[in-house]
Amino acid sequence: MTFQFIASEIIKNKISALKFGVLLADNLQVQKSGVDFEPAFSDLRRFLQEKFSALRPAEEETVKYVRRMYGRIGWEPTRYRPSSEALIRRILKGKELYRINNLVDFGNIASARFHLPMGLYDSDKISGTIVMDVGKENEAYRGISNPQIHAAGKLILRDDNGIFGNPTADSLRTSITEKTKNALAVFFCPPEIPDDHLKEALGFLSGFYKDFSADKKTVEQIIYF
């Protein structure tokens, strides 16, 4: 399955040269993460502890650029933290990551390691063109753990059926479940981030997801707006 991605005019006007890192994986087996998760998480924790031993997350370059992306829309990144920054801060506090399933868990590892917010969706539940937009007044959607997420003034993704996520919170409608067979991962990437960093993030995530796919392959792409 392939998708067309476009950006609304308001996005183009506020964040020129925004890009997505997109990964598609088909014929997946969704299950609880196995023993391979613990060494991957331990490696991530060591990496973050070393990197941020003398540096606050908000001072790191990629984190700053993601925050700036939020700010250009008028979305306060301290009140609504990008998912990647929230994961980093949680790990640095010595907390474990929530264990959901193998796709979500390893997606969280990739997002935290490369400091880029990532949305993860059941691609069979997405209809039509995917539009990067800003939520309108009174728009809302049902989140995975929140019955109503207000979307006004926030970066959002929408399809023919409405909003299905943002860089802080995904929707329940397109969430990954044990019935998911095909998945779409989207890294939200500010224009200042080099393509090589985004390609590395996609390759890192692909390395995990290939193990969960009967096809043993994924498709990665950078979408430019």
C-alpha atoms as a PDB file:
ATOM      1  CA  MET A   1       0.000   0.000   0.000  1.00  0.00           C
ATOM      2  CA  THR A   2       1.207   3.508  -0.793  1.00  0.00           C
ATOM      3  CA  PHE A   3      -0.080   6.902   0.292  1.00  0.00           C
ATOM      4  CA  GLN A   4      -0.031  10.401  -1.070  1.00  0.00           C
ATOM      5  CA  PHE A   5       1.175  13.002   1.420  1.00  0.00           C
ATOM      6  CA  ILE A   6       0.452  16.711   1.105  1.00  0.00           C
ATOM      7  CA  ALA A   7       0.793  19.752   3.351  1.00  0.00           C
ATOM      8  CA  SER A   8      -1.910  22.358   3.793  1.00  0.00           C
ATOM      9  CA  GLU A   9      -1.212  25.952   2.794  1.00  0.00           C
ATOM     10  CA  ILE A  10      -0.999  27.042   6.424  1.00  0.00           C
ATOM     11  CA  ILE A  11       1.753  24.471   7.030  1.00  0.00           C
ATOM     12  CA  LYS A  12       3.662  25.595   3.941  1.00  0.00           C
ATOM     13  CA  ASN A  13       3.429  29.200   5.083  1.00  0.00           C
ATOM     14  CA  LYS A  14       4.536  28.543   8.656  1.00  0.00           C
ATOM     15  CA  ILE A  15       7.072  25.702   8.236  1.00  0.00           C
ATOM     16  CA  SER A  16       8.676  25.754   4.818  1.00  0.00           C
ATOM     17  CA  ALA A  17      10.716  22.651   3.869  1.00  0.00           C
ATOM     18  CA  LEU A  18       9.120  20.394   6.493  1.00  0.00           C
ATOM     19  CA  LYS A  19       9.740  16.711   5.775  1.00  0.00           C
ATOM     20  CA  PHE A  20       8.513  13.293   6.839  1.00  0.00           C
ATOM     21  CA  GLY A  21      10.495  10.113   7.242  1.00  0.00           C
ATOM     22  CA  VAL A  22       8.027   7.415   6.182  1.00  0.00           C
ATOM     23  CA  LEU A  23       8.304   3.668   6.711  1.00  0.00           C
ATOM     24  CA  LEU A  24       5.806   1.104   5.451  1.00  0.00           C
ATOM     25  CA  ALA A  25       5.862  -2.486   6.712  1.00  0.00           C
ATOM     26  CA  ASP A  26       3.449  -5.201   5.594  1.00  0.00           C
ATOM     27  CA  ASN A  27       2.531  -8.735   6.663  1.00  0.00           C
ATOM     28  CA  LEU A  28       3.404  -8.025  10.279  1.00  0.00           C
ATOM     29  CA  GLN A  29       3.023 -10.103  13.395  1.00  0.00           C
ATOM     30  CA  VAL A  30       1.991  -7.912  16.310  1.00  0.00           C
ATOM     31  CA  GLN A  31       2.748  -9.400  19.700  1.00  0.00           C
ATOM     32  CA  LYS A  32       4.161  -8.590  23.101  1.00  0.00           C
ATOM     33  CA  SER A  33       7.818  -7.598  22.920  1.00  0.00           C
ATOM     34  CA  GLY A  34      10.116 -10.512  23.599  1.00  0.00           C
ATOM     35  CA  VAL A  35      13.521 -10.898  25.207  1.00  0.00           C
ATOM     36  CA  ASP A  36      15.113  -8.831  22.424  1.00  0.00           C
ATOM     37  CA  PHE A  37      13.514  -5.670  23.803  1.00  0.00           C
ATOM     38  CA  GLU A  38      15.531  -5.525  27.027  1.00  0.00           C
ATOM     39  CA  PRO A  39      19.008  -5.308  25.443  1.00  0.00           C
ATOM     40  CA  ALA A  40      17.710  -2.721  22.956  1.00  0.00           C
ATOM     41  CA  PHE A  41      16.254  -0.638  25.779  1.00  0.00           C
ATOM     42  CA  SER A  42      19.384  -0.998  27.919  1.00  0.00           C
ATOM     43  CA  ASP A  43      21.489   0.210  24.992  1.00  0.00           C
ATOM     44  CA  LEU A  44      19.169   3.193  24.518  1.00  0.00           C
ATOM     45  CA  ARG A  45      19.306   4.079  28.208  1.00  0.00           C
ATOM     46  CA  ARG A  46      23.119   4.022  28.216  1.00  0.00           C
ATOM     47  CA  PHE A  47      23.196   6.128  25.054  1.00  0.00           C
ATOM     48  CA  LEU A  48      20.901   8.784  26.511  1.00  0.00           C
ATOM     49  CA  GLN A  49      22.580   8.846  29.906  1.00  0.00           C
ATOM     50  CA  GLU A  50      25.973   9.434  28.292  1.00  0.00           C
ATOM     51  CA  LYS A  51      24.695  12.026  25.837  1.00  0.00           C
ATOM     52  CA  PHE A  52      22.757  14.003  28.440  1.00  0.00           C
ATOM     53  CA  SER A  53      25.188  13.629  31.337  1.00  0.00           C
ATOM     54  CA  ALA A  54      26.102  17.326  31.017  1.00  0.00           C
ATOM     55  CA  LEU A  55      23.326  18.492  28.717  1.00  0.00           C
ATOM     56  CA  ARG A  56      19.656  19.196  29.337  1.00  0.00           C
ATOM     57  CA  PRO A  57      17.264  17.729  26.723  1.00  0.00           C
ATOM     58  CA  ALA A  58      16.051  21.203  25.750  1.00  0.00           C
ATOM     59  CA  GLU A  59      19.650  22.177  24.891  1.00  0.00           C
ATOM     60  CA  GLU A  60      20.204  19.344  22.393  1.00  0.00           C
ATOM     61  CA  GLU A  61      20.145  20.494  18.760  1.00  0.00           C
ATOM     62  CA  THR A  62      17.529  18.104  17.342  1.00  0.00           C
ATOM     63  CA  VAL A  63      15.262  18.603  20.358  1.00  0.00           C
ATOM     64  CA  LYS A  64      15.543  22.371  19.923  1.00  0.00           C
ATOM     65  CA  TYR A  65      14.615  22.167  16.251  1.00  0.00           C
ATOM     66  CA  VAL A  66      11.576  19.987  17.012  1.00  0.00           C
ATOM     67  CA  ARG A  67      10.499  22.506  19.651  1.00  0.00           C
ATOM     68  CA  ARG A  68      10.947  25.296  17.112  1.00  0.00           C
ATOM     69  CA  MET A  69       8.725  23.374  14.680  1.00  0.00           C
ATOM     70  CA  TYR A  70       5.980  23.367  17.314  1.00  0.00           C
ATOM     71  CA  GLY A  71       6.539  27.038  18.057  1.00  0.00           C
ATOM     72  CA  ARG A  72       6.151  28.086  14.428  1.00  0.00           C
ATOM     73  CA  ILE A  73       2.588  26.844  14.543  1.00  0.00           C
ATOM     74  CA  GLY A  74       1.983  28.528  17.904  1.00  0.00           C
ATOM     75  CA  TRP A  75       1.918  25.216  19.764  1.00  0.00           C
ATOM     76  CA  GLU A  76       3.679  25.437  23.143  1.00  0.00           C
ATOM     77  CA  PRO A  77       6.291  22.604  23.263  1.00  0.00           C
ATOM     78  CA  THR A  78       6.676  22.799  27.044  1.00  0.00           C
ATOM     79  CA  ARG A  79       2.975  22.266  27.670  1.00  0.00           C
ATOM     80  CA  TYR A  80       2.544  19.689  24.896  1.00  0.00           C
ATOM     81  CA  ARG A  81       5.894  17.951  24.689  1.00  0.00           C
ATOM     82  CA  PRO A  82       6.842  16.192  21.454  1.00  0.00           C
ATOM     83  CA  SER A  83       6.562  12.453  22.018  1.00  0.00           C
ATOM     84  CA  SER A  84      10.296  11.968  21.451  1.00  0.00           C
ATOM     85  CA  GLU A  85      11.261  14.501  24.122  1.00  0.00           C
ATOM     86  CA  ALA A  86       8.750  13.036  26.571  1.00  0.00           C
ATOM     87  CA  LEU A  87      10.350   9.602  26.068  1.00  0.00           C
ATOM     88  CA  ILE A  88      13.863  10.994  26.589  1.00  0.00           C
ATOM     89  CA  ARG A  89      12.875  12.724  29.813  1.00  0.00           C
ATOM     90  CA  ARG A  90      11.120   9.622  31.103  1.00  0.00           C
ATOM     91  CA  ILE A  91      14.168   7.421  30.499  1.00  0.00           C
ATOM     92  CA  LEU A  92      16.580   9.946  32.038  1.00  0.00           C
ATOM     93  CA  LYS A  93      14.445   9.905  35.189  1.00  0.00           C
ATOM     94  CA  GLY A  94      15.131   6.173  35.453  1.00  0.00           C
ATOM     95  CA  LYS A  95      11.624   5.106  34.468  1.00  0.00           C
ATOM     96  CA  GLU A  96      10.773   2.168  32.239  1.00  0.00           C
ATOM     97  CA  LEU A  97       8.959   2.607  28.935  1.00  0.00           C
ATOM     98  CA  TYR A  98       5.361   1.502  28.785  1.00  0.00           C
ATOM     99  CA  ARG A  99       5.206  -1.896  27.115  1.00  0.00           C
ATOM    100  CA  ILE A 100       2.402  -2.029  24.553  1.00  0.00           C
ATOM    101  CA  ASN A 101       3.417  -4.346  21.713  1.00  0.00           C
ATOM    102  CA  ASN A 102       6.500  -4.976  19.599  1.00  0.00           C
ATOM    103  CA  LEU A 103       5.759  -2.316  16.959  1.00  0.00           C
ATOM    104  CA  VAL A 104       4.989   0.436  19.465  1.00  0.00           C
ATOM    105  CA  ASP A 105       7.813  -0.508  21.842  1.00  0.00           C
ATOM    106  CA  PHE A 106      10.555  -0.528  19.220  1.00  0.00           C
ATOM    107  CA  GLY A 107       9.069   2.565  17.606  1.00  0.00           C
ATOM    108  CA  ASN A 108       9.526   4.319  20.950  1.00  0.00           C
ATOM    109  CA  ILE A 109      13.161   3.231  21.065  1.00  0.00           C
ATOM    110  CA  ALA A 110      13.796   4.696  17.592  1.00  0.00           C
ATOM    111  CA  SER A 111      11.970   7.935  18.405  1.00  0.00           C
ATOM    112  CA  ALA A 112      13.895   8.480  21.640  1.00  0.00           C
ATOM    113  CA  ARG A 113      17.269   7.603  20.147  1.00  0.00           C
ATOM    114  CA  PHE A 114      16.971  10.004  17.210  1.00  0.00           C
ATOM    115  CA  HIS A 115      14.968  12.629  19.146  1.00  0.00           C
ATOM    116  CA  LEU A 116      12.274  12.811  16.462  1.00  0.00           C
ATOM    117  CA  PRO A 117       8.558  12.505  17.256  1.00  0.00           C
ATOM    118  CA  MET A 118       7.044   9.538  15.470  1.00  0.00           C
ATOM    119  CA  GLY A 119       3.486   8.551  14.704  1.00  0.00           C
ATOM    120  CA  LEU A 120       2.640   4.877  14.223  1.00  0.00           C
ATOM    121  CA  TYR A 121      -0.546   3.810  12.486  1.00  0.00           C
ATOM    122  CA  ASP A 122      -2.394   0.787  11.190  1.00  0.00           C
ATOM    123  CA  SER A 123      -2.198   1.655   7.501  1.00  0.00           C
ATOM    124  CA  ASP A 124      -5.337  -0.353   6.659  1.00  0.00           C
ATOM    125  CA  LYS A 125      -7.327   2.112   8.788  1.00  0.00           C
ATOM    126  CA  ILE A 126      -6.157   5.163   6.808  1.00  0.00           C
ATOM    127  CA  SER A 127      -8.265   6.291   3.860  1.00  0.00           C
ATOM    128  CA  GLY A 128      -7.256   8.607   1.038  1.00  0.00           C
ATOM    129  CA  THR A 129      -4.615  11.317   0.973  1.00  0.00           C
ATOM    130  CA  ILE A 130      -2.704  12.069   4.187  1.00  0.00           C
ATOM    131  CA  VAL A 131      -2.682  15.794   4.901  1.00  0.00           C
ATOM    132  CA  MET A 132      -0.328  17.562   7.303  1.00  0.00           C
ATOM    133  CA  ASP A 133      -2.403  20.413   8.677  1.00  0.00           C
ATOM    134  CA  VAL A 134      -3.161  22.609  11.653  1.00  0.00           C
ATOM    135  CA  GLY A 135      -6.230  21.723  13.692  1.00  0.00           C
ATOM    136  CA  LYS A 136      -9.179  24.068  13.329  1.00  0.00           C
ATOM    137  CA  GLU A 137     -11.227  25.628  16.098  1.00  0.00           C
ATOM    138  CA  ASN A 138     -13.378  23.053  17.924  1.00  0.00           C
ATOM    139  CA  GLU A 139     -11.746  20.089  16.147  1.00  0.00           C
ATOM    140  CA  ALA A 140     -10.959  17.090  18.333  1.00  0.00           C
ATOM    141  CA  TYR A 141     -10.273  13.384  18.035  1.00  0.00           C
ATOM    142  CA  ARG A 142     -10.221  10.347  20.296  1.00  0.00           C
ATOM    143  CA  GLY A 143      -6.747   9.470  21.509  1.00  0.00           C
ATOM    144  CA  ILE A 144      -5.451   6.097  22.585  1.00  0.00           C
ATOM    145  CA  SER A 145      -5.629   6.953  26.288  1.00  0.00           C
ATOM    146  CA  ASN A 146      -7.565  10.217  26.120  1.00  0.00           C
ATOM    147  CA  PRO A 147     -11.231  10.253  25.072  1.00  0.00           C
ATOM    148  CA  GLN A 148     -10.916  13.738  23.584  1.00  0.00           C
ATOM    149  CA  ILE A 149      -7.784  15.450  22.289  1.00  0.00           C
ATOM    150  CA  HIS A 150      -8.384  19.049  21.275  1.00  0.00           C
ATOM    151  CA  ALA A 151      -6.700  19.732  17.948  1.00  0.00           C
ATOM    152  CA  ALA A 152      -7.136  23.489  17.521  1.00  0.00           C
ATOM    153  CA  GLY A 153      -3.821  25.149  16.692  1.00  0.00           C
ATOM    154  CA  LYS A 154      -1.835  21.889  16.745  1.00  0.00           C
ATOM    155  CA  LEU A 155       0.099  20.064  14.051  1.00  0.00           C
ATOM    156  CA  ILE A 156      -2.121  17.192  12.937  1.00  0.00           C
ATOM    157  CA  LEU A 157      -2.447  14.478  10.322  1.00  0.00           C
ATOM    158  CA  ARG A 158      -5.822  13.925   8.695  1.00  0.00           C
ATOM    159  CA  ASP A 159      -7.241  11.557   6.092  1.00  0.00           C
ATOM    160  CA  ASP A 160     -10.665  11.247   4.465  1.00  0.00           C
ATOM    161  CA  ASN A 161     -12.154  10.223   7.823  1.00  0.00           C
ATOM    162  CA  GLY A 162     -10.682  13.040   9.908  1.00  0.00           C
ATOM    163  CA  ILE A 163      -7.756  13.604  12.237  1.00  0.00           C
ATOM    164  CA  PHE A 164      -5.705  10.544  13.170  1.00  0.00           C
ATOM    165  CA  GLY A 165      -2.728  11.907  15.046  1.00  0.00           C
ATOM    166  CA  ASN A 166      -0.160  14.556  15.852  1.00  0.00           C
ATOM    167  CA  PRO A 167       3.517  14.521  16.944  1.00  0.00           C
ATOM    168  CA  THR A 168       2.427  14.257  20.579  1.00  0.00           C
ATOM    169  CA  ALA A 169      -0.559  11.868  20.512  1.00  0.00           C
ATOM    170  CA  ASP A 170      -1.905   9.284  18.058  1.00  0.00           C
ATOM    171  CA  SER A 171      -5.571   8.436  17.611  1.00  0.00           C
ATOM    172  CA  LEU A 172      -7.425   5.356  18.755  1.00  0.00           C
ATOM    173  CA  ARG A 173      -8.955   4.932  15.295  1.00  0.00           C
ATOM    174  CA  THR A 174      -5.659   4.125  13.551  1.00  0.00           C
ATOM    175  CA  SER A 175      -3.804   2.622  16.513  1.00  0.00           C
ATOM    176  CA  ILE A 176      -1.747  -0.564  16.335  1.00  0.00           C
ATOM    177  CA  THR A 177      -3.553  -3.603  17.754  1.00  0.00           C
ATOM    178  CA  GLU A 178      -2.984  -7.343  17.773  1.00  0.00           C
ATOM    179  CA  LYS A 179      -5.056  -7.464  14.570  1.00  0.00           C
ATOM    180  CA  THR A 180      -2.783  -5.062  12.680  1.00  0.00           C
ATOM    181  CA  LYS A 181      -1.129  -6.550   9.607  1.00  0.00           C
ATOM    182  CA  ASN A 182       0.254  -3.452   7.876  1.00  0.00           C
ATOM    183  CA  ALA A 183       1.780  -0.386   9.509  1.00  0.00           C
ATOM    184  CA  LEU A 184       2.848   3.142   8.654  1.00  0.00           C
ATOM    185  CA  ALA A 185       5.460   4.968  10.735  1.00  0.00           C
ATOM    186  CA  VAL A 186       5.978   8.714  10.253  1.00  0.00           C
ATOM    187  CA  PHE A 187       8.887  10.703  11.688  1.00  0.00           C
ATOM    188  CA  PHE A 188       7.967  14.400  11.907  1.00  0.00           C
ATOM    189  CA  CYS A 189      11.141  16.177  10.902  1.00  0.00           C
ATOM    190  CA  PRO A 190      11.950  19.914  11.066  1.00  0.00           C
ATOM    191  CA  PRO A 191      13.672  21.374   7.980  1.00  0.00           C
ATOM    192  CA  GLU A 192      16.922  22.008   9.884  1.00  0.00           C
ATOM    193  CA  ILE A 193      17.557  18.293  10.498  1.00  0.00           C
ATOM    194  CA  PRO A 194      19.941  16.760   7.897  1.00  0.00           C
ATOM    195  CA  ASP A 195      18.528  14.067   5.648  1.00  0.00           C
ATOM    196  CA  ASP A 196      21.265  11.699   6.821  1.00  0.00           C
ATOM    197  CA  HIS A 197      19.918  11.823  10.372  1.00  0.00           C
ATOM    198  CA  LEU A 198      16.413  11.033   9.141  1.00  0.00           C
ATOM    199  CA  LYS A 199      17.671   8.212   6.906  1.00  0.00           C
ATOM    200  CA  GLU A 200      19.555   6.743   9.840  1.00  0.00           C
ATOM    201  CA  ALA A 201      16.409   6.829  11.974  1.00  0.00           C
ATOM    202  CA  LEU A 202      14.430   5.060   9.250  1.00  0.00           C
ATOM    203  CA  GLY A 203      17.125   2.418   8.786  1.00  0.00           C
ATOM    204  CA  PHE A 204      17.326   1.853  12.537  1.00  0.00           C
ATOM    205  CA  LEU A 205      13.560   1.294  12.815  1.00  0.00           C
ATOM    206  CA  SER A 206      13.538  -0.849   9.684  1.00  0.00           C
ATOM    207  CA  GLY A 207      16.092  -3.152  11.272  1.00  0.00           C
ATOM    208  CA  PHE A 208      13.588  -3.976  14.002  1.00  0.00           C
ATOM    209  CA  TYR A 209      10.449  -4.124  11.895  1.00  0.00           C
ATOM    210  CA  LYS A 210      11.909  -6.516   9.333  1.00  0.00           C
ATOM    211  CA  ASP A 211      12.106  -9.104  12.123  1.00  0.00           C
ATOM    212  CA  PHE A 212       8.334  -8.786  12.624  1.00  0.00           C
ATOM    213  CA  SER A 213       7.431  -8.984   8.936  1.00  0.00           C
ATOM    214  CA  ALA A 214       6.817 -12.166   6.994  1.00  0.00           C
ATOM    215  CA  ASP A 215       8.223 -10.341   3.946  1.00  0.00           C
ATOM    216  CA  LYS A 216      11.424  -9.408   5.835  1.00  0.00           C
ATOM    217  CA  LYS A 217      11.442  -6.008   4.168  1.00  0.00           C
ATOM    218  CA  THR A 218      10.206  -2.481   4.615  1.00  0.00           C
ATOM    219  CA  VAL A 219       9.896   0.573   2.374  1.00  0.00           C
ATOM    220  CA  GLU A 220      11.470   3.825   3.578  1.00  0.00           C
ATOM    221  CA  GLN A 221      11.040   7.241   1.996  1.00  0.00           C
ATOM    222  CA  ILE A 222      11.580  10.912   2.781  1.00  0.00           C
ATOM    223  CA  ILE A 223       8.640  13.143   1.849  1.00  0.00           C
ATOM    224  CA  TYR A 224       9.439  16.808   1.276  1.00  0.00           C
ATOM    225  CA  PHE A 225       6.916  19.637   1.517  1.00  0.00           C
END
